[in-house]
Amino acid sequence: MVNIADNCNLYFNGNDNKNTAFVNVSIFGETSKQNCENLTAEICKILENSTGIPSDRVYVKFEFSDMWGYNSFMF
């Protein structure tokens, strides 16, 4: 799932004068730090190529859970 909120003010080092992205990744279960690093690199590359936002203006937050519900049941 993807939600893009355009025209938001995201502050970095006290200013919002450059485009910035915040990406929240929710993972069912667990994974390694290396996998998170690899995904972060890919997300940064995709955002830079598609939006021009440089990787030093991209934040990626990972959340892990083993309790996800869908279609009236739990995974």
N, C-alpha and C. Protein backbone atom coordinates (compact mmCIF):
# COMPACT_ATOMS: atom_id res chain seq x y z
N MET A 1 0.84 -1.17 0.00
CA MET A 1 0.00 0.00 0.00
C MET A 1 0.88 1.23 0.00
N VAL A 2 0.45 2.23 -0.70
CA VAL A 2 1.21 3.48 -0.76
C VAL A 2 0.26 4.63 -0.54
N ASN A 3 0.68 5.57 0.29
CA ASN A 3 -0.05 6.81 0.50
C ASN A 3 0.93 7.95 0.29
N ILE A 4 0.64 8.81 -0.65
CA ILE A 4 1.50 9.95 -0.92
C ILE A 4 0.74 11.22 -0.56
N ALA A 5 1.32 12.00 0.32
CA ALA A 5 0.73 13.27 0.72
C ALA A 5 1.59 14.39 0.15
N ASP A 6 1.08 15.04 -0.87
CA ASP A 6 1.82 16.10 -1.54
C ASP A 6 1.64 17.42 -0.79
N ASN A 7 2.57 18.32 -0.98
CA ASN A 7 2.53 19.67 -0.40
C ASN A 7 2.55 19.68 1.12
N CYS A 8 3.23 18.71 1.72
CA CYS A 8 3.41 18.70 3.17
C CYS A 8 4.73 19.40 3.51
N ASN A 9 4.76 20.06 4.63
CA ASN A 9 6.00 20.66 5.09
C ASN A 9 6.71 19.71 6.03
N LEU A 10 7.84 19.19 5.61
CA LEU A 10 8.67 18.34 6.46
C LEU A 10 9.94 19.12 6.76
N TYR A 11 10.23 19.25 8.02
CA TYR A 11 11.39 20.03 8.43
C TYR A 11 12.60 19.13 8.66
N PHE A 12 13.76 19.57 8.18
CA PHE A 12 15.03 18.89 8.37
C PHE A 12 16.04 19.94 8.77
N ASN A 13 16.69 19.75 9.91
CA ASN A 13 17.63 20.75 10.43
C ASN A 13 16.98 22.12 10.58
N GLY A 14 15.71 22.13 10.95
CA GLY A 14 15.03 23.38 11.23
C GLY A 14 14.48 24.12 10.03
N ASN A 15 14.57 23.53 8.84
CA ASN A 15 14.01 24.23 7.68
C ASN A 15 13.26 23.26 6.78
N ASP A 16 12.38 23.82 5.97
CA ASP A 16 11.63 23.03 4.99
C ASP A 16 11.84 23.57 3.59
N ASN A 17 13.03 24.08 3.33
CA ASN A 17 13.31 24.72 2.04
C ASN A 17 13.69 23.74 0.94
N LYS A 18 13.79 22.45 1.25
CA LYS A 18 14.09 21.43 0.24
C LYS A 18 13.09 20.29 0.41
N ASN A 19 12.83 19.59 -0.69
CA ASN A 19 11.92 18.45 -0.62
C ASN A 19 12.50 17.36 0.26
N THR A 20 11.65 16.76 1.05
CA THR A 20 12.03 15.71 1.99
C THR A 20 10.97 14.63 1.94
N ALA A 21 11.37 13.37 2.17
CA ALA A 21 10.41 12.27 2.19
C ALA A 21 10.55 11.49 3.49
N PHE A 22 9.41 11.06 4.01
CA PHE A 22 9.35 10.17 5.16
C PHE A 22 8.62 8.92 4.72
N VAL A 23 9.26 7.77 4.86
CA VAL A 23 8.69 6.50 4.43
C VAL A 23 8.54 5.62 5.66
N ASN A 24 7.34 5.11 5.87
CA ASN A 24 7.07 4.20 6.98
C ASN A 24 6.85 2.81 6.40
N VAL A 25 7.69 1.86 6.78
CA VAL A 25 7.62 0.48 6.29
C VAL A 25 7.12 -0.40 7.42
N SER A 26 6.01 -1.08 7.20
CA SER A 26 5.47 -2.01 8.19
C SER A 26 5.75 -3.43 7.71
N ILE A 27 6.37 -4.22 8.56
CA ILE A 27 6.76 -5.58 8.19
C ILE A 27 6.04 -6.57 9.09
N PHE A 28 5.43 -7.56 8.48
CA PHE A 28 4.79 -8.64 9.22
C PHE A 28 5.88 -9.63 9.61
N GLY A 29 6.12 -9.75 10.90
CA GLY A 29 7.17 -10.64 11.39
C GLY A 29 8.45 -9.86 11.62
N GLU A 30 9.57 -10.50 11.31
CA GLU A 30 10.88 -9.90 11.55
C GLU A 30 11.76 -10.04 10.32
N THR A 31 12.83 -9.28 10.30
CA THR A 31 13.86 -9.41 9.27
C THR A 31 15.17 -8.89 9.85
N SER A 32 16.22 -9.01 9.09
CA SER A 32 17.54 -8.60 9.58
C SER A 32 17.80 -7.12 9.33
N LYS A 33 18.75 -6.58 10.05
CA LYS A 33 19.18 -5.20 9.84
C LYS A 33 19.70 -5.02 8.42
N GLN A 34 20.41 -6.02 7.90
CA GLN A 34 20.94 -5.95 6.53
C GLN A 34 19.80 -5.83 5.51
N ASN A 35 18.72 -6.59 5.70
CA ASN A 35 17.58 -6.48 4.79
C ASN A 35 16.96 -5.10 4.86
N CYS A 36 16.88 -4.52 6.05
CA CYS A 36 16.35 -3.16 6.20
C CYS A 36 17.27 -2.15 5.52
N GLU A 37 18.57 -2.33 5.65
CA GLU A 37 19.53 -1.44 4.97
C GLU A 37 19.38 -1.55 3.46
N ASN A 38 19.24 -2.77 2.95
CA ASN A 38 19.07 -2.96 1.51
C ASN A 38 17.79 -2.31 1.01
N LEU A 39 16.70 -2.48 1.76
CA LEU A 39 15.44 -1.87 1.36
C LEU A 39 15.52 -0.35 1.43
N THR A 40 16.17 0.18 2.46
CA THR A 40 16.35 1.62 2.58
C THR A 40 17.09 2.17 1.37
N ALA A 41 18.15 1.49 0.96
CA ALA A 41 18.91 1.94 -0.22
C ALA A 41 18.04 1.94 -1.47
N GLU A 42 17.23 0.91 -1.64
CA GLU A 42 16.35 0.85 -2.82
C GLU A 42 15.28 1.93 -2.78
N ILE A 43 14.69 2.15 -1.61
CA ILE A 43 13.69 3.21 -1.47
C ILE A 43 14.30 4.56 -1.80
N CYS A 44 15.49 4.82 -1.28
CA CYS A 44 16.17 6.10 -1.57
C CYS A 44 16.45 6.25 -3.05
N LYS A 45 16.88 5.17 -3.69
CA LYS A 45 17.18 5.22 -5.13
C LYS A 45 15.90 5.49 -5.94
N ILE A 46 14.83 4.81 -5.59
CA ILE A 46 13.56 5.01 -6.30
C ILE A 46 13.07 6.44 -6.12
N LEU A 47 13.12 6.94 -4.90
CA LEU A 47 12.65 8.32 -4.67
C LEU A 47 13.50 9.35 -5.38
N GLU A 48 14.82 9.14 -5.37
CA GLU A 48 15.68 10.09 -6.07
C GLU A 48 15.42 10.07 -7.58
N ASN A 49 15.25 8.88 -8.14
CA ASN A 49 15.01 8.77 -9.58
C ASN A 49 13.64 9.29 -10.00
N SER A 50 12.63 9.08 -9.15
CA SER A 50 11.27 9.45 -9.54
C SER A 50 10.86 10.86 -9.10
N THR A 51 11.46 11.36 -8.02
CA THR A 51 11.03 12.67 -7.50
C THR A 51 12.15 13.69 -7.41
N GLY A 52 13.39 13.23 -7.50
CA GLY A 52 14.52 14.14 -7.35
C GLY A 52 14.92 14.39 -5.91
N ILE A 53 14.24 13.75 -4.95
CA ILE A 53 14.60 13.95 -3.54
C ILE A 53 15.86 13.15 -3.26
N PRO A 54 16.95 13.81 -2.86
CA PRO A 54 18.20 13.09 -2.61
C PRO A 54 18.10 12.21 -1.36
N SER A 55 18.91 11.17 -1.32
CA SER A 55 18.83 10.20 -0.22
C SER A 55 19.12 10.83 1.14
N ASP A 56 19.87 11.93 1.17
CA ASP A 56 20.12 12.57 2.47
C ASP A 56 18.94 13.41 2.95
N ARG A 57 17.82 13.36 2.20
CA ARG A 57 16.58 14.02 2.61
C ARG A 57 15.44 12.99 2.73
N VAL A 58 15.80 11.71 2.82
CA VAL A 58 14.81 10.64 2.92
C VAL A 58 14.98 9.93 4.26
N TYR A 59 13.90 9.81 5.00
CA TYR A 59 13.87 9.06 6.25
C TYR A 59 13.03 7.81 6.05
N VAL A 60 13.53 6.67 6.52
CA VAL A 60 12.79 5.42 6.42
C VAL A 60 12.65 4.86 7.83
N LYS A 61 11.42 4.62 8.23
CA LYS A 61 11.13 4.08 9.56
C LYS A 61 10.55 2.67 9.39
N PHE A 62 11.08 1.73 10.15
CA PHE A 62 10.61 0.35 10.09
C PHE A 62 9.82 0.02 11.35
N GLU A 63 8.70 -0.65 11.17
CA GLU A 63 7.89 -1.15 12.26
C GLU A 63 7.63 -2.63 12.02
N PHE A 64 7.70 -3.43 13.07
CA PHE A 64 7.53 -4.87 12.97
C PHE A 64 6.36 -5.30 13.83
N SER A 65 5.57 -6.23 13.32
CA SER A 65 4.44 -6.74 14.08
C SER A 65 4.12 -8.16 13.63
N ASP A 66 3.69 -8.97 14.57
CA ASP A 66 3.21 -10.30 14.21
C ASP A 66 1.70 -10.39 14.37
N MET A 67 1.06 -9.23 14.51
CA MET A 67 -0.39 -9.16 14.69
C MET A 67 -1.01 -8.28 13.62
N TRP A 68 -1.31 -8.85 12.47
CA TRP A 68 -1.97 -8.12 11.41
C TRP A 68 -3.32 -8.77 11.13
N GLY A 69 -4.33 -7.95 10.97
CA GLY A 69 -5.64 -8.45 10.61
C GLY A 69 -5.99 -8.07 9.18
N TYR A 70 -6.76 -8.93 8.55
CA TYR A 70 -7.21 -8.68 7.18
C TYR A 70 -8.47 -9.51 6.92
N ASN A 71 -9.45 -8.90 6.32
CA ASN A 71 -10.63 -9.61 5.86
C ASN A 71 -11.26 -10.44 6.98
N SER A 72 -11.38 -9.83 8.13
CA SER A 72 -12.03 -10.43 9.31
C SER A 72 -11.25 -11.53 10.01
N PHE A 73 -9.98 -11.70 9.70
CA PHE A 73 -9.18 -12.70 10.42
C PHE A 73 -7.78 -12.17 10.67
N MET A 74 -7.05 -12.87 11.51
CA MET A 74 -5.67 -12.48 11.82
C MET A 74 -4.70 -13.39 11.09
N PHE A 75 -3.58 -12.80 10.65
CA PHE A 75 -2.53 -13.59 10.02
C PHE A 75 -1.86 -14.43 11.07
